[in-house]
């Protein structure tokens, strides 16, 4: 089991505080909000 993170999701999908999009298939095109998120996505 590998513990990934919600930090993998694209920044632009999480700009609306009332309606973020964190569906699993929304992860691409990739644009995580941090290098931590990029490493998790690579992993």
ModelCIF file with pLDDT and N, C-alpha, C, O atoms, coordinates in Angstrom:
data_MODEL
#
_entry.id   MODEL 
#
_entity.id                         1 
_entity.type                       polymer 
_entity.pdbx_number_of_molecules   1 
#
_entity_poly.entity_id                      1 
_entity_poly.type                           'polypeptide(L)' 
_entity_poly.nstd_linkage                   no 
_entity_poly.nstd_monomer                   no 
_entity_poly.pdbx_seq_one_letter_code       
;(UNK)(UNK)(UNK)(UNK)(UNK)(UNK)(UNK)(UNK)(UNK)(UNK)(UNK)(UNK)(UNK)(UNK)(UNK)(UNK)
(UNK)(UNK)(UNK)(UNK)(UNK)(UNK)(UNK)(UNK)(UNK)(UNK)(UNK)(UNK)(UNK)(UNK)(UNK)(UNK)
(UNK)(UNK)(UNK)(UNK)(UNK)(UNK)(UNK)(UNK)(UNK)(UNK)(UNK)
;
_entity_poly.pdbx_seq_one_letter_code_can   XXXXXXXXXXXXXXXXXXXXXXXXXXXXXXXXXXXXXXXXXXX 
_entity_poly.pdbx_strand_id                 A 
#
loop_
_entity_poly_seq.entity_id 
_entity_poly_seq.num 
_entity_poly_seq.mon_id 
_entity_poly_seq.hetero 
1 1  UNK n 
1 2  UNK n 
1 3  UNK n 
1 4  UNK n 
1 5  UNK n 
1 6  UNK n 
1 7  UNK n 
1 8  UNK n 
1 9  UNK n 
1 10 UNK n 
1 11 UNK n 
1 12 UNK n 
1 13 UNK n 
1 14 UNK n 
1 15 UNK n 
1 16 UNK n 
1 17 UNK n 
1 18 UNK n 
1 19 UNK n 
1 20 UNK n 
1 21 UNK n 
1 22 UNK n 
1 23 UNK n 
1 24 UNK n 
1 25 UNK n 
1 26 UNK n 
1 27 UNK n 
1 28 UNK n 
1 29 UNK n 
1 30 UNK n 
1 31 UNK n 
1 32 UNK n 
1 33 UNK n 
1 34 UNK n 
1 35 UNK n 
1 36 UNK n 
1 37 UNK n 
1 38 UNK n 
1 39 UNK n 
1 40 UNK n 
1 41 UNK n 
1 42 UNK n 
1 43 UNK n 
#
_struct_asym.id          A 
_struct_asym.entity_id   1 
#
loop_
_ma_qa_metric.id 
_ma_qa_metric.mode 
_ma_qa_metric.name 
_ma_qa_metric.software_group_id 
_ma_qa_metric.type 
1 global pLDDT . pLDDT 
2 local  pLDDT . pLDDT 
#
_ma_qa_metric_global.metric_id      1 
_ma_qa_metric_global.metric_value   96.23 
_ma_qa_metric_global.model_id       1 
_ma_qa_metric_global.ordinal_id     1 
#
loop_
_ma_qa_metric_local.label_asym_id 
_ma_qa_metric_local.label_comp_id 
_ma_qa_metric_local.label_seq_id 
_ma_qa_metric_local.metric_id 
_ma_qa_metric_local.metric_value 
_ma_qa_metric_local.model_id 
_ma_qa_metric_local.ordinal_id 
A UNK 1  2 98.00 1 1  
A UNK 2  2 98.00 1 2  
A UNK 3  2 98.00 1 3  
A UNK 4  2 98.00 1 4  
A UNK 5  2 97.00 1 5  
A UNK 6  2 96.00 1 6  
A UNK 7  2 94.00 1 7  
A UNK 8  2 97.00 1 8  
A UNK 9  2 98.00 1 9  
A UNK 10 2 97.00 1 10 
A UNK 11 2 95.00 1 11 
A UNK 12 2 96.00 1 12 
A UNK 13 2 96.00 1 13 
A UNK 14 2 95.00 1 14 
A UNK 15 2 95.00 1 15 
A UNK 16 2 96.00 1 16 
A UNK 17 2 95.00 1 17 
A UNK 18 2 96.00 1 18 
A UNK 19 2 96.00 1 19 
A UNK 20 2 97.00 1 20 
A UNK 21 2 97.00 1 21 
A UNK 22 2 98.00 1 22 
A UNK 23 2 98.00 1 23 
A UNK 24 2 98.00 1 24 
A UNK 25 2 97.00 1 25 
A UNK 26 2 98.00 1 26 
A UNK 27 2 98.00 1 27 
A UNK 28 2 97.00 1 28 
A UNK 29 2 96.00 1 29 
A UNK 30 2 97.00 1 30 
A UNK 31 2 97.00 1 31 
A UNK 32 2 95.00 1 32 
A UNK 33 2 88.00 1 33 
A UNK 34 2 91.00 1 34 
A UNK 35 2 94.00 1 35 
A UNK 36 2 93.00 1 36 
A UNK 37 2 95.00 1 37 
A UNK 38 2 96.00 1 38 
A UNK 39 2 96.00 1 39 
A UNK 40 2 97.00 1 40 
A UNK 41 2 98.00 1 41 
A UNK 42 2 98.00 1 42 
A UNK 43 2 98.00 1 43 
#
loop_
_atom_site.group_PDB 
_atom_site.id 
_atom_site.type_symbol 
_atom_site.label_atom_id 
_atom_site.label_alt_id 
_atom_site.label_comp_id 
_atom_site.label_asym_id 
_atom_site.label_entity_id 
_atom_site.label_seq_id 
_atom_site.pdbx_PDB_ins_code 
_atom_site.Cartn_x 
_atom_site.Cartn_y 
_atom_site.Cartn_z 
_atom_site.occupancy 
_atom_site.B_iso_or_equiv 
_atom_site.pdbx_formal_charge 
_atom_site.auth_seq_id 
_atom_site.auth_comp_id 
_atom_site.auth_asym_id 
_atom_site.auth_atom_id 
_atom_site.pdbx_PDB_model_num 
ATOM 1   N N  . UNK A 1 1  ? 0.857   -1.184 0.000   1.00 98.00 ? 1  UNK A N  1 
ATOM 2   C CA . UNK A 1 1  ? 0.000   0.000  0.000   1.00 98.00 ? 1  UNK A CA 1 
ATOM 3   C C  . UNK A 1 1  ? 0.891   1.231  0.000   1.00 98.00 ? 1  UNK A C  1 
ATOM 4   O O  . UNK A 1 1  ? 1.830   1.328  0.791   1.00 98.00 ? 1  UNK A O  1 
ATOM 5   N N  . UNK A 1 2  ? 0.590   2.179  -0.900  1.00 98.00 ? 2  UNK A N  1 
ATOM 6   C CA . UNK A 1 2  ? 1.329   3.439  -0.954  1.00 98.00 ? 2  UNK A CA 1 
ATOM 7   C C  . UNK A 1 2  ? 0.399   4.592  -0.598  1.00 98.00 ? 2  UNK A C  1 
ATOM 8   O O  . UNK A 1 2  ? -0.671  4.744  -1.187  1.00 98.00 ? 2  UNK A O  1 
ATOM 9   N N  . UNK A 1 3  ? 0.815   5.394  0.362   1.00 98.00 ? 3  UNK A N  1 
ATOM 10  C CA . UNK A 1 3  ? 0.012   6.544  0.784   1.00 98.00 ? 3  UNK A CA 1 
ATOM 11  C C  . UNK A 1 3  ? 0.346   7.752  -0.081  1.00 98.00 ? 3  UNK A C  1 
ATOM 12  O O  . UNK A 1 3  ? 1.365   8.415  0.116   1.00 98.00 ? 3  UNK A O  1 
ATOM 13  N N  . UNK A 1 4  ? -0.528  8.024  -1.038  1.00 98.00 ? 4  UNK A N  1 
ATOM 14  C CA . UNK A 1 4  ? -0.412  9.223  -1.852  1.00 98.00 ? 4  UNK A CA 1 
ATOM 15  C C  . UNK A 1 4  ? -1.179  10.349 -1.165  1.00 98.00 ? 4  UNK A C  1 
ATOM 16  O O  . UNK A 1 4  ? -1.466  10.260 0.029   1.00 98.00 ? 4  UNK A O  1 
ATOM 17  N N  . UNK A 1 5  ? -1.509  11.392 -1.894  1.00 97.00 ? 5  UNK A N  1 
ATOM 18  C CA . UNK A 1 5  ? -2.070  12.586 -1.264  1.00 97.00 ? 5  UNK A CA 1 
ATOM 19  C C  . UNK A 1 5  ? -3.016  13.317 -2.206  1.00 97.00 ? 5  UNK A C  1 
ATOM 20  O O  . UNK A 1 5  ? -2.894  13.229 -3.428  1.00 97.00 ? 5  UNK A O  1 
ATOM 21  N N  . UNK A 1 6  ? -3.962  14.041 -1.612  1.00 96.00 ? 6  UNK A N  1 
ATOM 22  C CA . UNK A 1 6  ? -4.829  14.928 -2.392  1.00 96.00 ? 6  UNK A CA 1 
ATOM 23  C C  . UNK A 1 6  ? -4.039  16.057 -3.033  1.00 96.00 ? 6  UNK A C  1 
ATOM 24  O O  . UNK A 1 6  ? -4.553  16.755 -3.906  1.00 96.00 ? 6  UNK A O  1 
ATOM 25  N N  . UNK A 1 7  ? -2.794  16.243 -2.610  1.00 94.00 ? 7  UNK A N  1 
ATOM 26  C CA . UNK A 1 7  ? -1.949  17.286 -3.198  1.00 94.00 ? 7  UNK A CA 1 
ATOM 27  C C  . UNK A 1 7  ? -1.596  17.006 -4.656  1.00 94.00 ? 7  UNK A C  1 
ATOM 28  O O  . UNK A 1 7  ? -1.006  17.859 -5.319  1.00 94.00 ? 7  UNK A O  1 
ATOM 29  N N  . UNK A 1 8  ? -1.948  15.824 -5.167  1.00 97.00 ? 8  UNK A N  1 
ATOM 30  C CA . UNK A 1 8  ? -1.661  15.528 -6.576  1.00 97.00 ? 8  UNK A CA 1 
ATOM 31  C C  . UNK A 1 8  ? -2.614  16.255 -7.519  1.00 97.00 ? 8  UNK A C  1 
ATOM 32  O O  . UNK A 1 8  ? -2.325  16.363 -8.711  1.00 97.00 ? 8  UNK A O  1 
ATOM 33  N N  . UNK A 1 9  ? -3.742  16.758 -7.019  1.00 98.00 ? 9  UNK A N  1 
ATOM 34  C CA . UNK A 1 9  ? -4.749  17.319 -7.917  1.00 98.00 ? 9  UNK A CA 1 
ATOM 35  C C  . UNK A 1 9  ? -4.352  18.704 -8.430  1.00 98.00 ? 9  UNK A C  1 
ATOM 36  O O  . UNK A 1 9  ? -3.656  19.446 -7.737  1.00 98.00 ? 9  UNK A O  1 
ATOM 37  N N  . UNK A 1 10 ? -4.793  19.057 -9.648  1.00 97.00 ? 10 UNK A N  1 
ATOM 38  C CA . UNK A 1 10 ? -4.393  20.336 -10.259 1.00 97.00 ? 10 UNK A CA 1 
ATOM 39  C C  . UNK A 1 10 ? -4.845  21.550 -9.465  1.00 97.00 ? 10 UNK A C  1 
ATOM 40  O O  . UNK A 1 10 ? -5.950  21.581 -8.924  1.00 97.00 ? 10 UNK A O  1 
ATOM 41  N N  . UNK A 1 11 ? -3.987  22.532 -9.406  1.00 95.00 ? 11 UNK A N  1 
ATOM 42  C CA . UNK A 1 11 ? -4.301  23.772 -8.688  1.00 95.00 ? 11 UNK A CA 1 
ATOM 43  C C  . UNK A 1 11 ? -5.586  24.409 -9.195  1.00 95.00 ? 11 UNK A C  1 
ATOM 44  O O  . UNK A 1 11 ? -6.422  24.858 -8.412  1.00 95.00 ? 11 UNK A O  1 
ATOM 45  N N  . UNK A 1 12 ? -5.733  24.444 -10.538 1.00 96.00 ? 12 UNK A N  1 
ATOM 46  C CA . UNK A 1 12 ? -6.870  25.156 -11.118 1.00 96.00 ? 12 UNK A CA 1 
ATOM 47  C C  . UNK A 1 12 ? -8.214  24.491 -10.807 1.00 96.00 ? 12 UNK A C  1 
ATOM 48  O O  . UNK A 1 12 ? -9.262  25.123 -10.942 1.00 96.00 ? 12 UNK A O  1 
ATOM 49  N N  . UNK A 1 13 ? -8.190  23.219 -10.391 1.00 96.00 ? 13 UNK A N  1 
ATOM 50  C CA . UNK A 1 13 ? -9.430  22.526 -10.015 1.00 96.00 ? 13 UNK A CA 1 
ATOM 51  C C  . UNK A 1 13 ? -9.854  22.850 -8.587  1.00 96.00 ? 13 UNK A C  1 
ATOM 52  O O  . UNK A 1 13 ? -10.906 22.399 -8.134  1.00 96.00 ? 13 UNK A O  1 
ATOM 53  N N  . UNK A 1 14 ? -9.037  23.632 -7.873  1.00 95.00 ? 14 UNK A N  1 
ATOM 54  C CA . UNK A 1 14 ? -9.279  23.851 -6.450  1.00 95.00 ? 14 UNK A CA 1 
ATOM 55  C C  . UNK A 1 14 ? -9.229  25.331 -6.083  1.00 95.00 ? 14 UNK A C  1 
ATOM 56  O O  . UNK A 1 14 ? -8.813  25.707 -4.987  1.00 95.00 ? 14 UNK A O  1 
ATOM 57  N N  . UNK A 1 15 ? -9.665  26.157 -7.031  1.00 95.00 ? 15 UNK A N  1 
ATOM 58  C CA . UNK A 1 15 ? -9.678  27.601 -6.790  1.00 95.00 ? 15 UNK A CA 1 
ATOM 59  C C  . UNK A 1 15 ? -11.000 28.087 -6.211  1.00 95.00 ? 15 UNK A C  1 
ATOM 60  O O  . UNK A 1 15 ? -11.052 29.141 -5.576  1.00 95.00 ? 15 UNK A O  1 
ATOM 61  N N  . UNK A 1 16 ? -12.065 27.326 -6.425  1.00 96.00 ? 16 UNK A N  1 
ATOM 62  C CA . UNK A 1 16 ? -13.365 27.676 -5.875  1.00 96.00 ? 16 UNK A CA 1 
ATOM 63  C C  . UNK A 1 16 ? -13.528 26.967 -4.533  1.00 96.00 ? 16 UNK A C  1 
ATOM 64  O O  . UNK A 1 16 ? -13.635 25.741 -4.505  1.00 96.00 ? 16 UNK A O  1 
ATOM 65  N N  . UNK A 1 17 ? -13.549 27.705 -3.418  1.00 95.00 ? 17 UNK A N  1 
ATOM 66  C CA . UNK A 1 17 ? -13.623 27.043 -2.113  1.00 95.00 ? 17 UNK A CA 1 
ATOM 67  C C  . UNK A 1 17 ? -14.936 26.296 -1.886  1.00 95.00 ? 17 UNK A C  1 
ATOM 68  O O  . UNK A 1 17 ? -15.023 25.453 -0.993  1.00 95.00 ? 17 UNK A O  1 
ATOM 69  N N  . UNK A 1 18 ? -15.959 26.602 -2.692  1.00 96.00 ? 18 UNK A N  1 
ATOM 70  C CA . UNK A 1 18 ? -17.258 25.951 -2.516  1.00 96.00 ? 18 UNK A CA 1 
ATOM 71  C C  . UNK A 1 18 ? -17.470 24.755 -3.450  1.00 96.00 ? 18 UNK A C  1 
ATOM 72  O O  . UNK A 1 18 ? -18.385 23.960 -3.235  1.00 96.00 ? 18 UNK A O  1 
ATOM 73  N N  . UNK A 1 19 ? -16.632 24.623 -4.483  1.00 96.00 ? 19 UNK A N  1 
ATOM 74  C CA . UNK A 1 19 ? -16.850 23.541 -5.447  1.00 96.00 ? 19 UNK A CA 1 
ATOM 75  C C  . UNK A 1 19 ? -15.533 23.021 -6.026  1.00 96.00 ? 19 UNK A C  1 
ATOM 76  O O  . UNK A 1 19 ? -15.327 23.094 -7.237  1.00 96.00 ? 19 UNK A O  1 
ATOM 77  N N  . UNK A 1 20 ? -14.635 22.495 -5.182  1.00 97.00 ? 20 UNK A N  1 
ATOM 78  C CA . UNK A 1 20 ? -13.388 21.919 -5.708  1.00 97.00 ? 20 UNK A CA 1 
ATOM 79  C C  . UNK A 1 20 ? -13.668 20.626 -6.460  1.00 97.00 ? 20 UNK A C  1 
ATOM 80  O O  . UNK A 1 20 ? -14.645 19.931 -6.179  1.00 97.00 ? 20 UNK A O  1 
ATOM 81  N N  . UNK A 1 21 ? -12.802 20.309 -7.419  1.00 97.00 ? 21 UNK A N  1 
ATOM 82  C CA . UNK A 1 21 ? -12.944 19.082 -8.207  1.00 97.00 ? 21 UNK A CA 1 
ATOM 83  C C  . UNK A 1 21 ? -11.783 18.161 -7.891  1.00 97.00 ? 21 UNK A C  1 
ATOM 84  O O  . UNK A 1 21 ? -10.666 18.381 -8.359  1.00 97.00 ? 21 UNK A O  1 
ATOM 85  N N  . UNK A 1 22 ? -12.041 17.129 -7.096  1.00 98.00 ? 22 UNK A N  1 
ATOM 86  C CA . UNK A 1 22 ? -11.003 16.157 -6.737  1.00 98.00 ? 22 UNK A CA 1 
ATOM 87  C C  . UNK A 1 22 ? -11.423 14.747 -7.165  1.00 98.00 ? 22 UNK A C  1 
ATOM 88  O O  . UNK A 1 22 ? -11.137 13.772 -6.471  1.00 98.00 ? 22 UNK A O  1 
ATOM 89  N N  . UNK A 1 23 ? -12.097 14.646 -8.304  1.00 98.00 ? 23 UNK A N  1 
ATOM 90  C CA . UNK A 1 23 ? -12.351 13.319 -8.873  1.00 98.00 ? 23 UNK A CA 1 
ATOM 91  C C  . UNK A 1 23 ? -11.009 12.692 -9.253  1.00 98.00 ? 23 UNK A C  1 
ATOM 92  O O  . UNK A 1 23 ? -10.104 13.392 -9.709  1.00 98.00 ? 23 UNK A O  1 
ATOM 93  N N  . UNK A 1 24 ? -10.880 11.401 -9.069  1.00 98.00 ? 24 UNK A N  1 
ATOM 94  C CA . UNK A 1 24 ? -9.610  10.734 -9.354  1.00 98.00 ? 24 UNK A CA 1 
ATOM 95  C C  . UNK A 1 24 ? -9.142  10.965 -10.782 1.00 98.00 ? 24 UNK A C  1 
ATOM 96  O O  . UNK A 1 24 ? -7.948  11.140 -11.027 1.00 98.00 ? 24 UNK A O  1 
ATOM 97  N N  . UNK A 1 25 ? -10.093 10.964 -11.741 1.00 97.00 ? 25 UNK A N  1 
ATOM 98  C CA . UNK A 1 25 ? -9.678  11.107 -13.138 1.00 97.00 ? 25 UNK A CA 1 
ATOM 99  C C  . UNK A 1 25 ? -9.411  12.554 -13.533 1.00 97.00 ? 25 UNK A C  1 
ATOM 100 O O  . UNK A 1 25 ? -9.073  12.824 -14.685 1.00 97.00 ? 25 UNK A O  1 
ATOM 101 N N  . UNK A 1 26 ? -9.558  13.494 -12.592 1.00 98.00 ? 26 UNK A N  1 
ATOM 102 C CA . UNK A 1 26 ? -9.262  14.896 -12.894 1.00 98.00 ? 26 UNK A CA 1 
ATOM 103 C C  . UNK A 1 26 ? -7.787  15.231 -12.676 1.00 98.00 ? 26 UNK A C  1 
ATOM 104 O O  . UNK A 1 26 ? -7.379  16.375 -12.876 1.00 98.00 ? 26 UNK A O  1 
ATOM 105 N N  . UNK A 1 27 ? -6.991  14.256 -12.271 1.00 98.00 ? 27 UNK A N  1 
ATOM 106 C CA . UNK A 1 27 ? -5.599  14.526 -11.909 1.00 98.00 ? 27 UNK A CA 1 
ATOM 107 C C  . UNK A 1 27 ? -4.752  14.941 -13.116 1.00 98.00 ? 27 UNK A C  1 
ATOM 108 O O  . UNK A 1 27 ? -3.716  15.585 -12.952 1.00 98.00 ? 27 UNK A O  1 
ATOM 109 N N  . UNK A 1 28 ? -5.186  14.577 -14.322 1.00 97.00 ? 28 UNK A N  1 
ATOM 110 C CA . UNK A 1 28 ? -4.486  14.988 -15.545 1.00 97.00 ? 28 UNK A CA 1 
ATOM 111 C C  . UNK A 1 28 ? -5.400  15.880 -16.377 1.00 97.00 ? 28 UNK A C  1 
ATOM 112 O O  . UNK A 1 28 ? -6.607  15.644 -16.419 1.00 97.00 ? 28 UNK A O  1 
ATOM 113 N N  . UNK A 1 29 ? -4.845  16.916 -17.051 1.00 96.00 ? 29 UNK A N  1 
ATOM 114 C CA . UNK A 1 29 ? -3.443  17.332 -17.121 1.00 96.00 ? 29 UNK A CA 1 
ATOM 115 C C  . UNK A 1 29 ? -2.909  17.714 -15.739 1.00 96.00 ? 29 UNK A C  1 
ATOM 116 O O  . UNK A 1 29 ? -3.584  18.389 -14.962 1.00 96.00 ? 29 UNK A O  1 
ATOM 117 N N  . UNK A 1 30 ? -1.701  17.273 -15.454 1.00 97.00 ? 30 UNK A N  1 
ATOM 118 C CA . UNK A 1 30 ? -1.133  17.406 -14.117 1.00 97.00 ? 30 UNK A CA 1 
ATOM 119 C C  . UNK A 1 30 ? -0.655  18.834 -13.846 1.00 97.00 ? 30 UNK A C  1 
ATOM 120 O O  . UNK A 1 30 ? -0.011  19.467 -14.683 1.00 97.00 ? 30 UNK A O  1 
ATOM 121 N N  . UNK A 1 31 ? -0.992  19.321 -12.644 1.00 97.00 ? 31 UNK A N  1 
ATOM 122 C CA . UNK A 1 31 ? -0.495  20.619 -12.181 1.00 97.00 ? 31 UNK A CA 1 
ATOM 123 C C  . UNK A 1 31 ? -0.671  20.708 -10.666 1.00 97.00 ? 31 UNK A C  1 
ATOM 124 O O  . UNK A 1 31 ? -1.422  21.556 -10.183 1.00 97.00 ? 31 UNK A O  1 
ATOM 125 N N  . UNK A 1 32 ? 0.023   19.831 -9.900  1.00 95.00 ? 32 UNK A N  1 
ATOM 126 C CA . UNK A 1 32 ? -0.104  19.871 -8.434  1.00 95.00 ? 32 UNK A CA 1 
ATOM 127 C C  . UNK A 1 32 ? 0.314   21.227 -7.873  1.00 95.00 ? 32 UNK A C  1 
ATOM 128 O O  . UNK A 1 32 ? 1.003   22.010 -8.526  1.00 95.00 ? 32 UNK A O  1 
ATOM 129 N N  . UNK A 1 33 ? -0.128  21.479 -6.634  1.00 88.00 ? 33 UNK A N  1 
ATOM 130 C CA . UNK A 1 33 ? 0.099   22.788 -6.023  1.00 88.00 ? 33 UNK A CA 1 
ATOM 131 C C  . UNK A 1 33 ? 1.428   22.899 -5.302  1.00 88.00 ? 33 UNK A C  1 
ATOM 132 O O  . UNK A 1 33 ? 1.735   23.948 -4.736  1.00 88.00 ? 33 UNK A O  1 
ATOM 133 N N  . UNK A 1 34 ? 2.227   21.834 -5.309  1.00 91.00 ? 34 UNK A N  1 
ATOM 134 C CA . UNK A 1 34 ? 3.489   21.857 -4.570  1.00 91.00 ? 34 UNK A CA 1 
ATOM 135 C C  . UNK A 1 34 ? 4.413   20.784 -5.116  1.00 91.00 ? 34 UNK A C  1 
ATOM 136 O O  . UNK A 1 34 ? 3.975   19.873 -5.819  1.00 91.00 ? 34 UNK A O  1 
ATOM 137 N N  . UNK A 1 35 ? 5.700   20.894 -4.788  1.00 94.00 ? 35 UNK A N  1 
ATOM 138 C CA . UNK A 1 35 ? 6.637   19.845 -5.184  1.00 94.00 ? 35 UNK A CA 1 
ATOM 139 C C  . UNK A 1 35 ? 6.326   18.537 -4.449  1.00 94.00 ? 35 UNK A C  1 
ATOM 140 O O  . UNK A 1 35 ? 6.574   17.448 -4.966  1.00 94.00 ? 35 UNK A O  1 
ATOM 141 N N  . UNK A 1 36 ? 5.782   18.663 -3.245  1.00 93.00 ? 36 UNK A N  1 
ATOM 142 C CA . UNK A 1 36 ? 5.317   17.478 -2.519  1.00 93.00 ? 36 UNK A CA 1 
ATOM 143 C C  . UNK A 1 36 ? 4.280   16.731 -3.355  1.00 93.00 ? 36 UNK A C  1 
ATOM 144 O O  . UNK A 1 36 ? 4.330   15.505 -3.462  1.00 93.00 ? 36 UNK A O  1 
ATOM 145 N N  . UNK A 1 37 ? 3.338   17.471 -3.948  1.00 95.00 ? 37 UNK A N  1 
ATOM 146 C CA . UNK A 1 37 ? 2.324   16.853 -4.792  1.00 95.00 ? 37 UNK A CA 1 
ATOM 147 C C  . UNK A 1 37 ? 2.913   16.237 -6.051  1.00 95.00 ? 37 UNK A C  1 
ATOM 148 O O  . UNK A 1 37 ? 2.484   15.164 -6.476  1.00 95.00 ? 37 UNK A O  1 
ATOM 149 N N  . UNK A 1 38 ? 3.892   16.907 -6.650  1.00 96.00 ? 38 UNK A N  1 
ATOM 150 C CA . UNK A 1 38 ? 4.540   16.359 -7.850  1.00 96.00 ? 38 UNK A CA 1 
ATOM 151 C C  . UNK A 1 38 ? 5.250   15.046 -7.530  1.00 96.00 ? 38 UNK A C  1 
ATOM 152 O O  . UNK A 1 38 ? 5.179   14.095 -8.309  1.00 96.00 ? 38 UNK A O  1 
ATOM 153 N N  . UNK A 1 39 ? 5.928   14.992 -6.395  1.00 96.00 ? 39 UNK A N  1 
ATOM 154 C CA . UNK A 1 39 ? 6.619   13.742 -6.042  1.00 96.00 ? 39 UNK A CA 1 
ATOM 155 C C  . UNK A 1 39 ? 5.611   12.622 -5.796  1.00 96.00 ? 39 UNK A C  1 
ATOM 156 O O  . UNK A 1 39 ? 5.844   11.484 -6.204  1.00 96.00 ? 39 UNK A O  1 
ATOM 157 N N  . UNK A 1 40 ? 4.505   12.927 -5.140  1.00 97.00 ? 40 UNK A N  1 
ATOM 158 C CA . UNK A 1 40 ? 3.482   11.913 -4.910  1.00 97.00 ? 40 UNK A CA 1 
ATOM 159 C C  . UNK A 1 40 ? 2.914   11.403 -6.232  1.00 97.00 ? 40 UNK A C  1 
ATOM 160 O O  . UNK A 1 40 ? 2.657   10.208 -6.380  1.00 97.00 ? 40 UNK A O  1 
ATOM 161 N N  . UNK A 1 41 ? 2.719   12.299 -7.186  1.00 98.00 ? 41 UNK A N  1 
ATOM 162 C CA . UNK A 1 41 ? 2.176   11.881 -8.478  1.00 98.00 ? 41 UNK A CA 1 
ATOM 163 C C  . UNK A 1 41 ? 3.181   11.010 -9.236  1.00 98.00 ? 41 UNK A C  1 
ATOM 164 O O  . UNK A 1 41 ? 2.805   10.008 -9.845  1.00 98.00 ? 41 UNK A O  1 
ATOM 165 N N  . UNK A 1 42 ? 4.457   11.395 -9.197  1.00 98.00 ? 42 UNK A N  1 
ATOM 166 C CA . UNK A 1 42 ? 5.496   10.545 -9.785  1.00 98.00 ? 42 UNK A CA 1 
ATOM 167 C C  . UNK A 1 42 ? 5.506   9.171  -9.133  1.00 98.00 ? 42 UNK A C  1 
ATOM 168 O O  . UNK A 1 42 ? 5.600   8.154  -9.820  1.00 98.00 ? 42 UNK A O  1 
ATOM 169 N N  . UNK A 1 43 ? 5.410   9.138  -7.811  1.00 98.00 ? 43 UNK A N  1 
ATOM 170 C CA . UNK A 1 43 ? 5.437   7.858  -7.099  1.00 98.00 ? 43 UNK A CA 1 
ATOM 171 C C  . UNK A 1 43 ? 4.238   6.994  -7.472  1.00 98.00 ? 43 UNK A C  1 
ATOM 172 O O  . UNK A 1 43 ? 4.099   5.880  -6.966  1.00 98.00 ? 43 UNK A O  1 
#
